[in-house]
Amino acid sequence: PLFNEEDYVLRAYEAAVDAFVPITSDYEIILVNDASTDRTPELIESLRARDPRVKAVHNPKNLKLGGTLRAGYAIATKDLVLYTDPDLPFDLHEVRRAVRLLEVQKADVVSAYRFDRTSEGLLRTVYSFFYNSLVRALFGLAIKDVNFSFKLFKRGLLDKFTLKSDGSFIDVEFLCRARKAGAHIIQIGVDYFPRSRGVSTLSSPAVIVKILREMMALRRDVA
């Protein structure tokens, strides 16, 4: 998912190729432009023109994280799907370990957590603690870092349920619906590298209010 990420588009693409080639030659990179107003669309199209493994989606209007992920998932064709953000929050070479553990543990989902996220600042750290605690209390979801953008899963899971969240709550919704569908979810810890360019909007008041609304709706749906 990309919204005004001109500083990260090429870096994310190059890091993905570097990480995936040792794993398999059969991969695709899906870049979803969420109605960016900078050079993000142009950069995505330049990559798509030179690399047939790149797929591009351009949202005609801003759909936020949930809508953008759903748009990307809709065109994914490979057996495994990795969701991550373009700002490279972890070393993509960790994906090889995640793929191996998925096979060894006979799991359906690998949900990673950050070993240390205090570098984000006190406010974000506090937000995260209370959010993860609330999710555990409401849904019994024992996941350490529900919103971290490192989730590897079997694509077949997407045929078993329909994701509805428009915003950042889609991470929790995915994990809850996957669990309800009988998925085996495992967790791994990774080193975390906070964004060094651009600004994240995931902890703005509007985003938090939307998350709370979607949280109540999901609780009724999966209870």
C-alpha atoms as a PDB file:
ATOM      1  CA  PRO A   1       0.000   0.000   0.000  1.00  0.00           C
ATOM      2  CA  LEU A   2       1.386   3.403  -1.047  1.00  0.00           C
ATOM      3  CA  PHE A   3       0.137   6.904  -0.317  1.00  0.00           C
ATOM      4  CA  ASN A   4       2.554   9.689  -1.245  1.00  0.00           C
ATOM      5  CA  GLU A   5       5.571   7.402  -0.887  1.00  0.00           C
ATOM      6  CA  GLU A   6       7.769   8.727  -3.689  1.00  0.00           C
ATOM      7  CA  ASP A   7      10.809   8.453  -1.412  1.00  0.00           C
ATOM      8  CA  TYR A   8      10.219   4.755  -0.821  1.00  0.00           C
ATOM      9  CA  VAL A   9       8.764   3.241  -4.011  1.00  0.00           C
ATOM     10  CA  LEU A  10      12.066   2.327  -5.665  1.00  0.00           C
ATOM     11  CA  ARG A  11      13.772   1.351  -2.405  1.00  0.00           C
ATOM     12  CA  ALA A  12      10.907  -0.963  -1.485  1.00  0.00           C
ATOM     13  CA  TYR A  13      10.888  -2.578  -4.938  1.00  0.00           C
ATOM     14  CA  GLU A  14      14.648  -3.156  -4.939  1.00  0.00           C
ATOM     15  CA  ALA A  15      14.587  -4.565  -1.397  1.00  0.00           C
ATOM     16  CA  ALA A  16      11.762  -6.926  -2.338  1.00  0.00           C
ATOM     17  CA  VAL A  17      13.552  -8.266  -5.405  1.00  0.00           C
ATOM     18  CA  ASP A  18      16.761  -8.727  -3.421  1.00  0.00           C
ATOM     19  CA  ALA A  19      14.902 -10.689  -0.739  1.00  0.00           C
ATOM     20  CA  PHE A  20      12.634 -12.808  -2.944  1.00  0.00           C
ATOM     21  CA  VAL A  21      15.132 -14.027  -5.559  1.00  0.00           C
ATOM     22  CA  PRO A  22      16.897 -16.384  -3.083  1.00  0.00           C
ATOM     23  CA  ILE A  23      13.508 -17.856  -2.136  1.00  0.00           C
ATOM     24  CA  THR A  24      11.829 -18.345  -5.517  1.00  0.00           C
ATOM     25  CA  SER A  25      11.711 -17.042  -9.065  1.00  0.00           C
ATOM     26  CA  ASP A  26       7.923 -17.305  -9.043  1.00  0.00           C
ATOM     27  CA  TYR A  27       6.836 -14.128  -7.296  1.00  0.00           C
ATOM     28  CA  GLU A  28       4.896 -10.950  -7.979  1.00  0.00           C
ATOM     29  CA  ILE A  29       5.114  -7.493  -6.428  1.00  0.00           C
ATOM     30  CA  ILE A  30       1.789  -5.704  -6.063  1.00  0.00           C
ATOM     31  CA  LEU A  31       1.985  -1.940  -5.628  1.00  0.00           C
ATOM     32  CA  VAL A  32      -1.291  -0.253  -4.703  1.00  0.00           C
ATOM     33  CA  ASN A  33      -1.332   3.506  -5.126  1.00  0.00           C
ATOM     34  CA  ASP A  34      -3.953   4.987  -2.806  1.00  0.00           C
ATOM     35  CA  ALA A  35      -4.678   8.134  -4.835  1.00  0.00           C
ATOM     36  CA  SER A  36      -1.256   9.649  -4.186  1.00  0.00           C
ATOM     37  CA  THR A  37      -0.686  13.275  -5.158  1.00  0.00           C
ATOM     38  CA  ASP A  38       3.112  13.112  -5.492  1.00  0.00           C
ATOM     39  CA  ARG A  39       5.239  11.129  -7.980  1.00  0.00           C
ATOM     40  CA  THR A  40       4.222   7.735  -6.553  1.00  0.00           C
ATOM     41  CA  PRO A  41       1.936   6.785  -9.509  1.00  0.00           C
ATOM     42  CA  GLU A  42       4.616   7.724 -12.048  1.00  0.00           C
ATOM     43  CA  LEU A  43       7.277   5.690 -10.256  1.00  0.00           C
ATOM     44  CA  ILE A  44       4.983   2.673  -9.952  1.00  0.00           C
ATOM     45  CA  GLU A  45       4.246   2.757 -13.678  1.00  0.00           C
ATOM     46  CA  SER A  46       7.942   2.992 -14.536  1.00  0.00           C
ATOM     47  CA  LEU A  47       8.568  -0.168 -12.513  1.00  0.00           C
ATOM     48  CA  ARG A  48       5.628  -1.969 -14.082  1.00  0.00           C
ATOM     49  CA  ALA A  49       6.863  -1.075 -17.563  1.00  0.00           C
ATOM     50  CA  ARG A  50      10.278  -2.622 -16.986  1.00  0.00           C
ATOM     51  CA  ASP A  51       9.399  -5.617 -14.794  1.00  0.00           C
ATOM     52  CA  PRO A  52       6.497  -7.947 -15.716  1.00  0.00           C
ATOM     53  CA  ARG A  53       6.429  -9.250 -12.135  1.00  0.00           C
ATOM     54  CA  VAL A  54       5.152  -5.875 -10.945  1.00  0.00           C
ATOM     55  CA  LYS A  55       1.389  -5.392 -10.753  1.00  0.00           C
ATOM     56  CA  ALA A  56      -0.092  -1.956 -10.226  1.00  0.00           C
ATOM     57  CA  VAL A  57      -3.413  -0.825  -8.802  1.00  0.00           C
ATOM     58  CA  HIS A  58      -4.356   2.850  -8.767  1.00  0.00           C
ATOM     59  CA  ASN A  59      -7.246   3.695  -6.471  1.00  0.00           C
ATOM     60  CA  PRO A  60      -9.327   6.489  -8.046  1.00  0.00           C
ATOM     61  CA  LYS A  61      -9.904   7.911  -4.573  1.00  0.00           C
ATOM     62  CA  ASN A  62      -8.163   7.472  -1.235  1.00  0.00           C
ATOM     63  CA  LEU A  63      -9.394   4.218   0.325  1.00  0.00           C
ATOM     64  CA  LYS A  64      -7.129   4.187   3.402  1.00  0.00           C
ATOM     65  CA  LEU A  65      -5.199   1.106   4.470  1.00  0.00           C
ATOM     66  CA  GLY A  66      -8.087  -1.362   4.573  1.00  0.00           C
ATOM     67  CA  GLY A  67      -9.428  -0.538   1.145  1.00  0.00           C
ATOM     68  CA  THR A  68      -5.931  -0.470  -0.314  1.00  0.00           C
ATOM     69  CA  LEU A  69      -4.999  -3.873   1.093  1.00  0.00           C
ATOM     70  CA  ARG A  70      -8.255  -5.381  -0.135  1.00  0.00           C
ATOM     71  CA  ALA A  71      -7.523  -4.036  -3.609  1.00  0.00           C
ATOM     72  CA  GLY A  72      -4.080  -5.653  -3.548  1.00  0.00           C
ATOM     73  CA  TYR A  73      -5.304  -8.966  -2.135  1.00  0.00           C
ATOM     74  CA  ALA A  74      -7.939  -9.135  -4.891  1.00  0.00           C
ATOM     75  CA  ILE A  75      -5.296  -9.507  -7.613  1.00  0.00           C
ATOM     76  CA  ALA A  76      -2.791 -11.677  -5.720  1.00  0.00           C
ATOM     77  CA  THR A  77      -2.244 -14.990  -7.531  1.00  0.00           C
ATOM     78  CA  LYS A  78       0.617 -16.767  -5.737  1.00  0.00           C
ATOM     79  CA  ASP A  79       0.269 -19.447  -3.058  1.00  0.00           C
ATOM     80  CA  LEU A  80       1.640 -17.167  -0.338  1.00  0.00           C
ATOM     81  CA  VAL A  81       0.860 -13.499   0.258  1.00  0.00           C
ATOM     82  CA  LEU A  82       3.101 -11.097   2.147  1.00  0.00           C
ATOM     83  CA  TYR A  83       1.727  -7.787   3.318  1.00  0.00           C
ATOM     84  CA  THR A  84       4.133  -5.043   4.309  1.00  0.00           C
ATOM     85  CA  ASP A  85       4.547  -1.280   4.100  1.00  0.00           C
ATOM     86  CA  PRO A  86       6.896   0.457   1.639  1.00  0.00           C
ATOM     87  CA  ASP A  87       8.943   2.182   4.348  1.00  0.00           C
ATOM     88  CA  LEU A  88      10.848  -1.072   5.019  1.00  0.00           C
ATOM     89  CA  PRO A  89       9.985  -1.504   8.715  1.00  0.00           C
ATOM     90  CA  PHE A  90      11.998  -4.743   8.810  1.00  0.00           C
ATOM     91  CA  ASP A  91      14.695  -6.496   6.800  1.00  0.00           C
ATOM     92  CA  LEU A  92      12.793  -8.222   3.990  1.00  0.00           C
ATOM     93  CA  HIS A  93      15.269 -11.089   4.131  1.00  0.00           C
ATOM     94  CA  GLU A  94      13.318 -12.149   7.247  1.00  0.00           C
ATOM     95  CA  VAL A  95      10.662 -13.393   4.821  1.00  0.00           C
ATOM     96  CA  ARG A  96      12.805 -16.426   4.030  1.00  0.00           C
ATOM     97  CA  ARG A  97      12.738 -17.435   7.690  1.00  0.00           C
ATOM     98  CA  ALA A  98       8.986 -16.831   7.836  1.00  0.00           C
ATOM     99  CA  VAL A  99       8.371 -19.027   4.783  1.00  0.00           C
ATOM    100  CA  ARG A 100      10.453 -21.800   6.318  1.00  0.00           C
ATOM    101  CA  LEU A 101       8.600 -21.601   9.644  1.00  0.00           C
ATOM    102  CA  LEU A 102       5.249 -21.617   7.865  1.00  0.00           C
ATOM    103  CA  GLU A 103       6.229 -24.931   6.296  1.00  0.00           C
ATOM    104  CA  VAL A 104       7.856 -26.503   9.358  1.00  0.00           C
ATOM    105  CA  GLN A 105       5.065 -25.514  11.743  1.00  0.00           C
ATOM    106  CA  LYS A 106       2.321 -26.419   9.235  1.00  0.00           C
ATOM    107  CA  ALA A 107       0.895 -22.954   9.829  1.00  0.00           C
ATOM    108  CA  ASP A 108      -1.376 -20.759   7.736  1.00  0.00           C
ATOM    109  CA  VAL A 109      -0.278 -17.326   8.975  1.00  0.00           C
ATOM    110  CA  VAL A 110       2.964 -15.841  10.265  1.00  0.00           C
ATOM    111  CA  SER A 111       2.346 -12.597  12.167  1.00  0.00           C
ATOM    112  CA  ALA A 112       5.566 -10.839  13.136  1.00  0.00           C
ATOM    113  CA  TYR A 113       6.130  -8.580  16.118  1.00  0.00           C
ATOM    114  CA  ARG A 114       8.756  -5.940  16.800  1.00  0.00           C
ATOM    115  CA  PHE A 115      11.427  -6.790  19.368  1.00  0.00           C
ATOM    116  CA  ASP A 116      11.639  -3.113  20.336  1.00  0.00           C
ATOM    117  CA  ARG A 117       9.422  -0.286  19.113  1.00  0.00           C
ATOM    118  CA  THR A 118      10.346   2.394  21.648  1.00  0.00           C
ATOM    119  CA  SER A 119      12.220   4.272  18.911  1.00  0.00           C
ATOM    120  CA  GLU A 120       8.804   5.428  17.657  1.00  0.00           C
ATOM    121  CA  GLY A 121       8.484   7.646  20.709  1.00  0.00           C
ATOM    122  CA  LEU A 122       6.593   7.432  23.967  1.00  0.00           C
ATOM    123  CA  LEU A 123       3.155   8.339  22.580  1.00  0.00           C
ATOM    124  CA  ARG A 124       3.140   5.682  19.862  1.00  0.00           C
ATOM    125  CA  THR A 125       4.480   3.109  22.326  1.00  0.00           C
ATOM    126  CA  VAL A 126       1.653   3.876  24.767  1.00  0.00           C
ATOM    127  CA  TYR A 127      -0.947   3.779  21.974  1.00  0.00           C
ATOM    128  CA  SER A 128       0.341   0.383  20.905  1.00  0.00           C
ATOM    129  CA  PHE A 129       0.301  -1.080  24.418  1.00  0.00           C
ATOM    130  CA  PHE A 130      -3.306  -0.088  25.087  1.00  0.00           C
ATOM    131  CA  TYR A 131      -4.469  -1.038  21.601  1.00  0.00           C
ATOM    132  CA  ASN A 132      -2.968  -4.530  21.752  1.00  0.00           C
ATOM    133  CA  SER A 133      -4.362  -4.963  25.278  1.00  0.00           C
ATOM    134  CA  LEU A 134      -7.847  -3.895  24.148  1.00  0.00           C
ATOM    135  CA  VAL A 135      -7.763  -6.276  21.188  1.00  0.00           C
ATOM    136  CA  ARG A 136      -6.754  -9.134  23.471  1.00  0.00           C
ATOM    137  CA  ALA A 137      -9.526  -8.324  25.954  1.00  0.00           C
ATOM    138  CA  LEU A 138     -12.283  -7.979  23.341  1.00  0.00           C
ATOM    139  CA  PHE A 139     -11.330 -10.766  20.954  1.00  0.00           C
ATOM    140  CA  GLY A 140      -9.052 -13.059  22.941  1.00  0.00           C
ATOM    141  CA  LEU A 141      -6.471 -12.543  20.202  1.00  0.00           C
ATOM    142  CA  ALA A 142      -3.097 -13.325  21.784  1.00  0.00           C
ATOM    143  CA  ILE A 143      -1.000 -11.537  19.170  1.00  0.00           C
ATOM    144  CA  LYS A 144       1.839  -9.352  20.451  1.00  0.00           C
ATOM    145  CA  ASP A 145       1.818  -6.708  17.721  1.00  0.00           C
ATOM    146  CA  VAL A 146      -1.450  -6.912  15.784  1.00  0.00           C
ATOM    147  CA  ASN A 147      -0.880  -3.926  13.496  1.00  0.00           C
ATOM    148  CA  PHE A 148       2.707  -4.603  12.475  1.00  0.00           C
ATOM    149  CA  SER A 149       2.953  -4.741   8.683  1.00  0.00           C
ATOM    150  CA  PHE A 150       4.577  -8.162   8.387  1.00  0.00           C
ATOM    151  CA  LYS A 151       1.986 -10.813   7.758  1.00  0.00           C
ATOM    152  CA  LEU A 152       2.702 -13.825   5.598  1.00  0.00           C
ATOM    153  CA  PHE A 153      -0.206 -16.144   4.858  1.00  0.00           C
ATOM    154  CA  LYS A 154      -1.636 -18.733   2.514  1.00  0.00           C
ATOM    155  CA  ARG A 155      -3.699 -17.051  -0.184  1.00  0.00           C
ATOM    156  CA  GLY A 156      -6.395 -19.696   0.117  1.00  0.00           C
ATOM    157  CA  LEU A 157      -7.466 -18.071   3.374  1.00  0.00           C
ATOM    158  CA  LEU A 158      -8.863 -15.128   1.423  1.00  0.00           C
ATOM    159  CA  ASP A 159     -11.444 -17.471  -0.132  1.00  0.00           C
ATOM    160  CA  LYS A 160     -12.839 -18.363   3.296  1.00  0.00           C
ATOM    161  CA  PHE A 161     -13.968 -14.922   4.439  1.00  0.00           C
ATOM    162  CA  THR A 162     -14.581 -11.371   3.289  1.00  0.00           C
ATOM    163  CA  LEU A 163     -12.610  -8.479   4.727  1.00  0.00           C
ATOM    164  CA  LYS A 164     -14.670  -5.341   5.343  1.00  0.00           C
ATOM    165  CA  SER A 165     -12.523  -2.850   7.250  1.00  0.00           C
ATOM    166  CA  ASP A 166     -11.612   0.342   5.442  1.00  0.00           C
ATOM    167  CA  GLY A 167      -8.961   1.575   7.839  1.00  0.00           C
ATOM    168  CA  SER A 168      -6.071   0.307   9.929  1.00  0.00           C
ATOM    169  CA  PHE A 169      -8.299  -2.114  11.807  1.00  0.00           C
ATOM    170  CA  ILE A 170      -8.024  -4.490   8.854  1.00  0.00           C
ATOM    171  CA  ASP A 171      -4.999  -6.135  10.533  1.00  0.00           C
ATOM    172  CA  VAL A 172      -7.082  -7.226  13.513  1.00  0.00           C
ATOM    173  CA  GLU A 173     -10.022  -8.159  11.304  1.00  0.00           C
ATOM    174  CA  PHE A 174      -7.822 -10.383   9.158  1.00  0.00           C
ATOM    175  CA  LEU A 175      -6.366 -12.210  12.173  1.00  0.00           C
ATOM    176  CA  CYS A 176      -9.777 -12.673  13.819  1.00  0.00           C
ATOM    177  CA  ARG A 177     -11.443 -13.962  10.666  1.00  0.00           C
ATOM    178  CA  ALA A 178      -8.478 -16.219   9.877  1.00  0.00           C
ATOM    179  CA  ARG A 179      -8.645 -17.716  13.370  1.00  0.00           C
ATOM    180  CA  LYS A 180     -12.414 -18.230  13.060  1.00  0.00           C
ATOM    181  CA  ALA A 181     -11.794 -19.989   9.723  1.00  0.00           C
ATOM    182  CA  GLY A 182      -9.510 -22.459  11.540  1.00  0.00           C
ATOM    183  CA  ALA A 183      -6.156 -20.981  10.540  1.00  0.00           C
ATOM    184  CA  HIS A 184      -3.066 -21.866  12.553  1.00  0.00           C
ATOM    185  CA  ILE A 185      -1.320 -18.567  13.379  1.00  0.00           C
ATOM    186  CA  ILE A 186       2.293 -18.397  14.570  1.00  0.00           C
ATOM    187  CA  GLN A 187       4.427 -15.409  15.552  1.00  0.00           C
ATOM    188  CA  ILE A 188       8.066 -14.420  15.041  1.00  0.00           C
ATOM    189  CA  GLY A 189      10.049 -11.476  16.370  1.00  0.00           C
ATOM    190  CA  VAL A 190      12.056  -9.168  14.117  1.00  0.00           C
ATOM    191  CA  ASP A 191      14.200  -6.062  14.445  1.00  0.00           C
ATOM    192  CA  TYR A 192      12.251  -2.913  13.683  1.00  0.00           C
ATOM    193  CA  PHE A 193      13.410   0.096  11.674  1.00  0.00           C
ATOM    194  CA  PRO A 194      11.181   3.178  12.044  1.00  0.00           C
ATOM    195  CA  ARG A 195      10.314   5.361   9.086  1.00  0.00           C
ATOM    196  CA  SER A 196      13.087   7.810   8.177  1.00  0.00           C
ATOM    197  CA  ARG A 197      11.192   9.679   5.440  1.00  0.00           C
ATOM    198  CA  GLY A 198       7.664  11.003   5.180  1.00  0.00           C
ATOM    199  CA  VAL A 199       5.004  11.007   7.886  1.00  0.00           C
ATOM    200  CA  SER A 200       2.805   8.202   9.184  1.00  0.00           C
ATOM    201  CA  THR A 201      -0.869   9.031   9.770  1.00  0.00           C
ATOM    202  CA  LEU A 202      -1.850   5.783  11.470  1.00  0.00           C
ATOM    203  CA  SER A 203      -2.180   7.260  14.952  1.00  0.00           C
ATOM    204  CA  SER A 204      -4.151  10.406  14.068  1.00  0.00           C
ATOM    205  CA  PRO A 205      -7.373  11.043  16.063  1.00  0.00           C
ATOM    206  CA  ALA A 206      -9.561  10.321  13.015  1.00  0.00           C
ATOM    207  CA  VAL A 207      -7.845   6.983  12.428  1.00  0.00           C
ATOM    208  CA  ILE A 208      -8.238   6.005  16.081  1.00  0.00           C
ATOM    209  CA  VAL A 209     -11.974   6.838  16.079  1.00  0.00           C
ATOM    210  CA  LYS A 210     -12.481   4.786  12.908  1.00  0.00           C
ATOM    211  CA  ILE A 211     -10.600   1.846  14.435  1.00  0.00           C
ATOM    212  CA  LEU A 212     -12.854   1.895  17.505  1.00  0.00           C
ATOM    213  CA  ARG A 213     -15.990   1.893  15.353  1.00  0.00           C
ATOM    214  CA  GLU A 214     -14.779  -0.995  13.237  1.00  0.00           C
ATOM    215  CA  MET A 215     -13.683  -2.829  16.372  1.00  0.00           C
ATOM    216  CA  MET A 216     -17.228  -2.791  17.763  1.00  0.00           C
ATOM    217  CA  ALA A 217     -18.673  -3.934  14.447  1.00  0.00           C
ATOM    218  CA  LEU A 218     -16.226  -6.832  14.186  1.00  0.00           C
ATOM    219  CA  ARG A 219     -16.900  -7.933  17.754  1.00  0.00           C
ATOM    220  CA  ARG A 220     -20.578  -8.369  16.884  1.00  0.00           C
ATOM    221  CA  ASP A 221     -19.632 -10.191  13.682  1.00  0.00           C
ATOM    222  CA  VAL A 222     -17.134 -12.732  15.041  1.00  0.00           C
ATOM    223  CA  ALA A 223     -18.476 -13.190  18.579  1.00  0.00           C
END
